[in-house]
Amino acid sequence: MDSGLLAFRQYGYFVVELYHVERNHQGLDNRLITPTGNITQPDGIVHRRERLGGMLSYYYREAA
């Protein structure tokens, strides 16, 4: 398989995962399409997961 096509497919999988798991949706009252089921606490350390070399960031707290 062409390396460019492989990279394009990997990027596509990444975007779909980001869209379903980490992005709030206005049509769903700002809820996630596929929630992870983790119930977070209102206090605690906030962690940041970088995406696309830091262009996107996902912030979360670990479940208790």
PDB file of N, CA and C in Angstrom:
ATOM      1  N   MET A   1       0.854  -1.177   0.000  1.00  0.00           N
ATOM      2  CA  MET A   1       0.000   0.000   0.000  1.00  0.00           C
ATOM      3  C   MET A   1       0.898   1.238   0.000  1.00  0.00           C
ATOM      4  N   ASP A   2       0.486   2.228  -0.710  1.00  0.00           N
ATOM      5  CA  ASP A   2       1.204   3.499  -0.795  1.00  0.00           C
ATOM      6  C   ASP A   2       1.301   4.135   0.597  1.00  0.00           C
ATOM      7  N   SER A   3       2.484   4.663   0.956  1.00  0.00           N
ATOM      8  CA  SER A   3       2.657   5.248   2.294  1.00  0.00           C
ATOM      9  C   SER A   3       1.786   6.491   2.483  1.00  0.00           C
ATOM     10  N   GLY A   4       1.542   7.251   1.409  1.00  0.00           N
ATOM     11  CA  GLY A   4       0.663   8.415   1.514  1.00  0.00           C
ATOM     12  C   GLY A   4      -0.771   8.020   1.806  1.00  0.00           C
ATOM     13  N   LEU A   5      -1.225   6.951   1.168  1.00  0.00           N
ATOM     14  CA  LEU A   5      -2.583   6.461   1.405  1.00  0.00           C
ATOM     15  C   LEU A   5      -2.709   5.918   2.828  1.00  0.00           C
ATOM     16  N   LEU A   6      -1.686   5.224   3.287  1.00  0.00           N
ATOM     17  CA  LEU A   6      -1.695   4.691   4.650  1.00  0.00           C
ATOM     18  C   LEU A   6      -1.769   5.838   5.662  1.00  0.00           C
ATOM     19  N   ALA A   7      -0.968   6.875   5.459  1.00  0.00           N
ATOM     20  CA  ALA A   7      -0.986   8.029   6.363  1.00  0.00           C
ATOM     21  C   ALA A   7      -2.352   8.703   6.336  1.00  0.00           C
ATOM     22  N   PHE A   8      -2.949   8.815   5.158  1.00  0.00           N
ATOM     23  CA  PHE A   8      -4.271   9.424   5.027  1.00  0.00           C
ATOM     24  C   PHE A   8      -5.316   8.619   5.786  1.00  0.00           C
ATOM     25  N   ARG A   9      -5.263   7.309   5.682  1.00  0.00           N
ATOM     26  CA  ARG A   9      -6.225   6.460   6.408  1.00  0.00           C
ATOM     27  C   ARG A   9      -6.040   6.572   7.913  1.00  0.00           C
ATOM     28  N   GLN A  10      -4.792   6.593   8.382  1.00  0.00           N
ATOM     29  CA  GLN A  10      -4.532   6.731   9.810  1.00  0.00           C
ATOM     30  C   GLN A  10      -5.072   8.062  10.325  1.00  0.00           C
ATOM     31  N   TYR A  11      -4.885   9.110   9.540  1.00  0.00           N
ATOM     32  CA  TYR A  11      -5.411  10.418   9.920  1.00  0.00           C
ATOM     33  C   TYR A  11      -6.940  10.378   9.975  1.00  0.00           C
ATOM     34  N   GLY A  12      -7.553   9.691   9.029  1.00  0.00           N
ATOM     35  CA  GLY A  12      -9.010   9.564   9.028  1.00  0.00           C
ATOM     36  C   GLY A  12      -9.522   8.872  10.274  1.00  0.00           C
ATOM     37  N   TYR A  13      -8.859   7.792  10.700  1.00  0.00           N
ATOM     38  CA  TYR A  13      -9.260   7.097  11.928  1.00  0.00           C
ATOM     39  C   TYR A  13      -9.105   8.014  13.136  1.00  0.00           C
ATOM     40  N   PHE A  14      -8.018   8.800  13.134  1.00  0.00           N
ATOM     41  CA  PHE A  14      -7.779   9.733  14.227  1.00  0.00           C
ATOM     42  C   PHE A  14      -8.903  10.764  14.318  1.00  0.00           C
ATOM     43  N   VAL A  15      -9.290  11.329  13.187  1.00  0.00           N
ATOM     44  CA  VAL A  15     -10.334  12.358  13.169  1.00  0.00           C
ATOM     45  C   VAL A  15     -11.673  11.793  13.626  1.00  0.00           C
ATOM     46  N   VAL A  16     -12.013  10.604  13.192  1.00  0.00           N
ATOM     47  CA  VAL A  16     -13.279   9.983  13.606  1.00  0.00           C
ATOM     48  C   VAL A  16     -13.273   9.733  15.111  1.00  0.00           C
ATOM     49  N   GLU A  17     -12.165   9.235  15.664  1.00  0.00           N
ATOM     50  CA  GLU A  17     -12.079   9.006  17.104  1.00  0.00           C
ATOM     51  C   GLU A  17     -12.220  10.325  17.855  1.00  0.00           C
ATOM     52  N   LEU A  18     -11.516  11.343  17.406  1.00  0.00           N
ATOM     53  CA  LEU A  18     -11.598  12.654  18.041  1.00  0.00           C
ATOM     54  C   LEU A  18     -13.027  13.182  18.004  1.00  0.00           C
ATOM     55  N   TYR A  19     -13.673  13.063  16.868  1.00  0.00           N
ATOM     56  CA  TYR A  19     -15.028  13.571  16.678  1.00  0.00           C
ATOM     57  C   TYR A  19     -16.029  12.870  17.592  1.00  0.00           C
ATOM     58  N   HIS A  20     -15.881  11.566  17.768  1.00  0.00           N
ATOM     59  CA  HIS A  20     -16.853  10.794  18.547  1.00  0.00           C
ATOM     60  C   HIS A  20     -16.560  10.779  20.039  1.00  0.00           C
ATOM     61  N   VAL A  21     -15.298  10.859  20.439  1.00  0.00           N
ATOM     62  CA  VAL A  21     -14.941  10.634  21.836  1.00  0.00           C
ATOM     63  C   VAL A  21     -14.556  11.909  22.579  1.00  0.00           C
ATOM     64  N   GLU A  22     -13.972  12.896  21.900  1.00  0.00           N
ATOM     65  CA  GLU A  22     -13.427  14.045  22.615  1.00  0.00           C
ATOM     66  C   GLU A  22     -14.097  15.368  22.291  1.00  0.00           C
ATOM     67  N   ARG A  23     -15.020  15.405  21.386  1.00  0.00           N
ATOM     68  CA  ARG A  23     -15.610  16.677  20.960  1.00  0.00           C
ATOM     69  C   ARG A  23     -17.065  16.762  21.394  1.00  0.00           C
ATOM     70  N   ASN A  24     -17.414  17.833  22.127  1.00  0.00           N
ATOM     71  CA  ASN A  24     -18.810  18.049  22.518  1.00  0.00           C
ATOM     72  C   ASN A  24     -19.619  18.469  21.303  1.00  0.00           C
ATOM     73  N   HIS A  25     -20.883  18.071  21.275  1.00  0.00           N
ATOM     74  CA  HIS A  25     -21.741  18.356  20.126  1.00  0.00           C
ATOM     75  C   HIS A  25     -22.942  19.171  20.549  1.00  0.00           C
ATOM     76  N   GLN A  26     -23.144  20.289  19.855  1.00  0.00           N
ATOM     77  CA  GLN A  26     -24.257  21.174  20.195  1.00  0.00           C
ATOM     78  C   GLN A  26     -25.599  20.495  19.987  1.00  0.00           C
ATOM     79  N   GLY A  27     -25.709  19.642  19.001  1.00  0.00           N
ATOM     80  CA  GLY A  27     -26.962  18.949  18.731  1.00  0.00           C
ATOM     81  C   GLY A  27     -27.327  17.925  19.793  1.00  0.00           C
ATOM     82  N   LEU A  28     -26.356  17.601  20.651  1.00  0.00           N
ATOM     83  CA  LEU A  28     -26.592  16.648  21.739  1.00  0.00           C
ATOM     84  C   LEU A  28     -26.472  17.335  23.097  1.00  0.00           C
ATOM     85  N   ASP A  29     -26.857  18.601  23.154  1.00  0.00           N
ATOM     86  CA  ASP A  29     -26.765  19.392  24.393  1.00  0.00           C
ATOM     87  C   ASP A  29     -25.348  19.404  24.953  1.00  0.00           C
ATOM     88  N   ASN A  30     -24.358  19.563  24.089  1.00  0.00           N
ATOM     89  CA  ASN A  30     -22.936  19.608  24.438  1.00  0.00           C
ATOM     90  C   ASN A  30     -22.452  18.341  25.133  1.00  0.00           C
ATOM     91  N   ARG A  31     -23.026  17.217  24.760  1.00  0.00           N
ATOM     92  CA  ARG A  31     -22.543  15.928  25.268  1.00  0.00           C
ATOM     93  C   ARG A  31     -21.706  15.253  24.196  1.00  0.00           C
ATOM     94  N   LEU A  32     -20.960  14.242  24.614  1.00  0.00           N
ATOM     95  CA  LEU A  32     -20.142  13.469  23.687  1.00  0.00           C
ATOM     96  C   LEU A  32     -20.995  12.451  22.958  1.00  0.00           C
ATOM     97  N   ILE A  33     -20.644  12.133  21.709  1.00  0.00           N
ATOM     98  CA  ILE A  33     -21.354  11.096  20.959  1.00  0.00           C
ATOM     99  C   ILE A  33     -21.128   9.750  21.623  1.00  0.00           C
ATOM    100  N   THR A  34     -19.884   9.451  21.969  1.00  0.00           N
ATOM    101  CA  THR A  34     -19.519   8.186  22.593  1.00  0.00           C
ATOM    102  C   THR A  34     -18.839   8.469  23.930  1.00  0.00           C
ATOM    103  N   PRO A  35     -19.599   8.642  25.012  1.00  0.00           N
ATOM    104  CA  PRO A  35     -18.961   8.927  26.297  1.00  0.00           C
ATOM    105  C   PRO A  35     -18.128   7.746  26.768  1.00  0.00           C
ATOM    106  N   THR A  36     -17.046   8.042  27.462  1.00  0.00           N
ATOM    107  CA  THR A  36     -16.152   6.985  27.941  1.00  0.00           C
ATOM    108  C   THR A  36     -16.689   6.311  29.189  1.00  0.00           C
ATOM    109  N   GLY A  37     -17.651   6.922  29.857  1.00  0.00           N
ATOM    110  CA  GLY A  37     -18.211   6.322  31.057  1.00  0.00           C
ATOM    111  C   GLY A  37     -17.480   6.746  32.315  1.00  0.00           C
ATOM    112  N   ASN A  38     -16.386   7.492  32.163  1.00  0.00           N
ATOM    113  CA  ASN A  38     -15.660   7.966  33.336  1.00  0.00           C
ATOM    114  C   ASN A  38     -16.416   9.127  33.967  1.00  0.00           C
ATOM    115  N   ILE A  39     -16.667   9.017  35.254  1.00  0.00           N
ATOM    116  CA  ILE A  39     -17.296  10.105  35.989  1.00  0.00           C
ATOM    117  C   ILE A  39     -16.162  10.873  36.650  1.00  0.00           C
ATOM    118  N   THR A  40     -16.056  12.117  36.336  1.00  0.00           N
ATOM    119  CA  THR A  40     -14.943  12.906  36.866  1.00  0.00           C
ATOM    120  C   THR A  40     -15.361  13.676  38.095  1.00  0.00           C
ATOM    121  N   GLN A  41     -14.403  13.986  38.894  1.00  0.00           N
ATOM    122  CA  GLN A  41     -14.617  14.771  40.104  1.00  0.00           C
ATOM    123  C   GLN A  41     -14.456  16.244  39.767  1.00  0.00           C
ATOM    124  N   PRO A  42     -15.165  17.127  40.476  1.00  0.00           N
ATOM    125  CA  PRO A  42     -15.053  18.557  40.192  1.00  0.00           C
ATOM    126  C   PRO A  42     -13.720  19.156  40.632  1.00  0.00           C
ATOM    127  N   ASP A  43     -12.944  18.425  41.407  1.00  0.00           N
ATOM    128  CA  ASP A  43     -11.638  18.926  41.817  1.00  0.00           C
ATOM    129  C   ASP A  43     -10.575  17.895  41.463  1.00  0.00           C
ATOM    130  N   GLY A  44      -9.342  18.309  41.503  1.00  0.00           N
ATOM    131  CA  GLY A  44      -8.244  17.415  41.156  1.00  0.00           C
ATOM    132  C   GLY A  44      -7.401  18.006  40.044  1.00  0.00           C
ATOM    133  N   ILE A  45      -6.356  17.302  39.698  1.00  0.00           N
ATOM    134  CA  ILE A  45      -5.426  17.765  38.689  1.00  0.00           C
ATOM    135  C   ILE A  45      -6.042  17.617  37.300  1.00  0.00           C
ATOM    136  N   VAL A  46      -5.936  18.666  36.519  1.00  0.00           N
ATOM    137  CA  VAL A  46      -6.421  18.641  35.140  1.00  0.00           C
ATOM    138  C   VAL A  46      -5.267  18.206  34.246  1.00  0.00           C
ATOM    139  N   HIS A  47      -5.502  17.192  33.428  1.00  0.00           N
ATOM    140  CA  HIS A  47      -4.501  16.691  32.498  1.00  0.00           C
ATOM    141  C   HIS A  47      -4.823  17.192  31.099  1.00  0.00           C
ATOM    142  N   ARG A  48      -3.787  17.306  30.286  1.00  0.00           N
ATOM    143  CA  ARG A  48      -3.969  17.774  28.907  1.00  0.00           C
ATOM    144  C   ARG A  48      -3.375  16.752  27.953  1.00  0.00           C
ATOM    145  N   ARG A  49      -4.151  16.375  26.970  1.00  0.00           N
ATOM    146  CA  ARG A  49      -3.683  15.465  25.924  1.00  0.00           C
ATOM    147  C   ARG A  49      -3.558  16.282  24.640  1.00  0.00           C
ATOM    148  N   GLU A  50      -2.353  16.337  24.098  1.00  0.00           N
ATOM    149  CA  GLU A  50      -2.127  17.092  22.866  1.00  0.00           C
ATOM    150  C   GLU A  50      -2.495  16.252  21.654  1.00  0.00           C
ATOM    151  N   ARG A  51      -3.061  16.907  20.674  1.00  0.00           N
ATOM    152  CA  ARG A  51      -3.407  16.277  19.401  1.00  0.00           C
ATOM    153  C   ARG A  51      -2.835  17.129  18.283  1.00  0.00           C
ATOM    154  N   LEU A  52      -2.469  16.503  17.192  1.00  0.00           N
ATOM    155  CA  LEU A  52      -1.930  17.191  16.015  1.00  0.00           C
ATOM    156  C   LEU A  52      -0.771  18.112  16.379  1.00  0.00           C
ATOM    157  N   GLY A  53       0.176  17.567  17.138  1.00  0.00           N
ATOM    158  CA  GLY A  53       1.369  18.331  17.483  1.00  0.00           C
ATOM    159  C   GLY A  53       1.099  19.536  18.362  1.00  0.00           C
ATOM    160  N   GLY A  54       0.048  19.509  19.154  1.00  0.00           N
ATOM    161  CA  GLY A  54      -0.276  20.604  20.057  1.00  0.00           C
ATOM    162  C   GLY A  54      -1.288  21.584  19.506  1.00  0.00           C
ATOM    163  N   MET A  55      -1.708  21.400  18.256  1.00  0.00           N
ATOM    164  CA  MET A  55      -2.700  22.320  17.683  1.00  0.00           C
ATOM    165  C   MET A  55      -4.065  22.140  18.342  1.00  0.00           C
ATOM    166  N   LEU A  56      -4.365  20.936  18.762  1.00  0.00           N
ATOM    167  CA  LEU A  56      -5.607  20.650  19.482  1.00  0.00           C
ATOM    168  C   LEU A  56      -5.239  20.127  20.857  1.00  0.00           C
ATOM    169  N   SER A  57      -6.045  20.435  21.838  1.00  0.00           N
ATOM    170  CA  SER A  57      -5.816  19.946  23.192  1.00  0.00           C
ATOM    171  C   SER A  57      -7.119  19.388  23.756  1.00  0.00           C
ATOM    172  N   TYR A  58      -6.991  18.320  24.518  1.00  0.00           N
ATOM    173  CA  TYR A  58      -8.139  17.700  25.188  1.00  0.00           C
ATOM    174  C   TYR A  58      -7.816  17.704  26.674  1.00  0.00           C
ATOM    175  N   TYR A  59      -8.660  18.338  27.473  1.00  0.00           N
ATOM    176  CA  TYR A  59      -8.434  18.452  28.911  1.00  0.00           C
ATOM    177  C   TYR A  59      -9.380  17.511  29.643  1.00  0.00           C
ATOM    178  N   TYR A  60      -8.863  16.863  30.689  1.00  0.00           N
ATOM    179  CA  TYR A  60      -9.685  15.918  31.435  1.00  0.00           C
ATOM    180  C   TYR A  60      -9.132  15.746  32.840  1.00  0.00           C
ATOM    181  N   ARG A  61      -9.974  15.239  33.718  1.00  0.00           N
ATOM    182  CA  ARG A  61      -9.554  14.837  35.057  1.00  0.00           C
ATOM    183  C   ARG A  61      -9.716  13.327  35.143  1.00  0.00           C
ATOM    184  N   GLU A  62      -8.848  12.695  35.888  1.00  0.00           N
ATOM    185  CA  GLU A  62      -8.960  11.247  36.064  1.00  0.00           C
ATOM    186  C   GLU A  62     -10.142  10.928  36.957  1.00  0.00           C
ATOM    187  N   ALA A  63     -10.776   9.811  36.675  1.00  0.00           N
ATOM    188  CA  ALA A  63     -11.918   9.371  37.483  1.00  0.00           C
ATOM    189  C   ALA A  63     -11.437   8.977  38.858  1.00  0.00           C
ATOM    190  N   ALA A  64     -12.299   9.153  39.842  1.00  0.00           N
ATOM    191  CA  ALA A  64     -11.940   8.822  41.229  1.00  0.00           C
ATOM    192  C   ALA A  64     -11.850   7.339  41.436  1.00  0.00           C
TER     193      ALA A  64
END
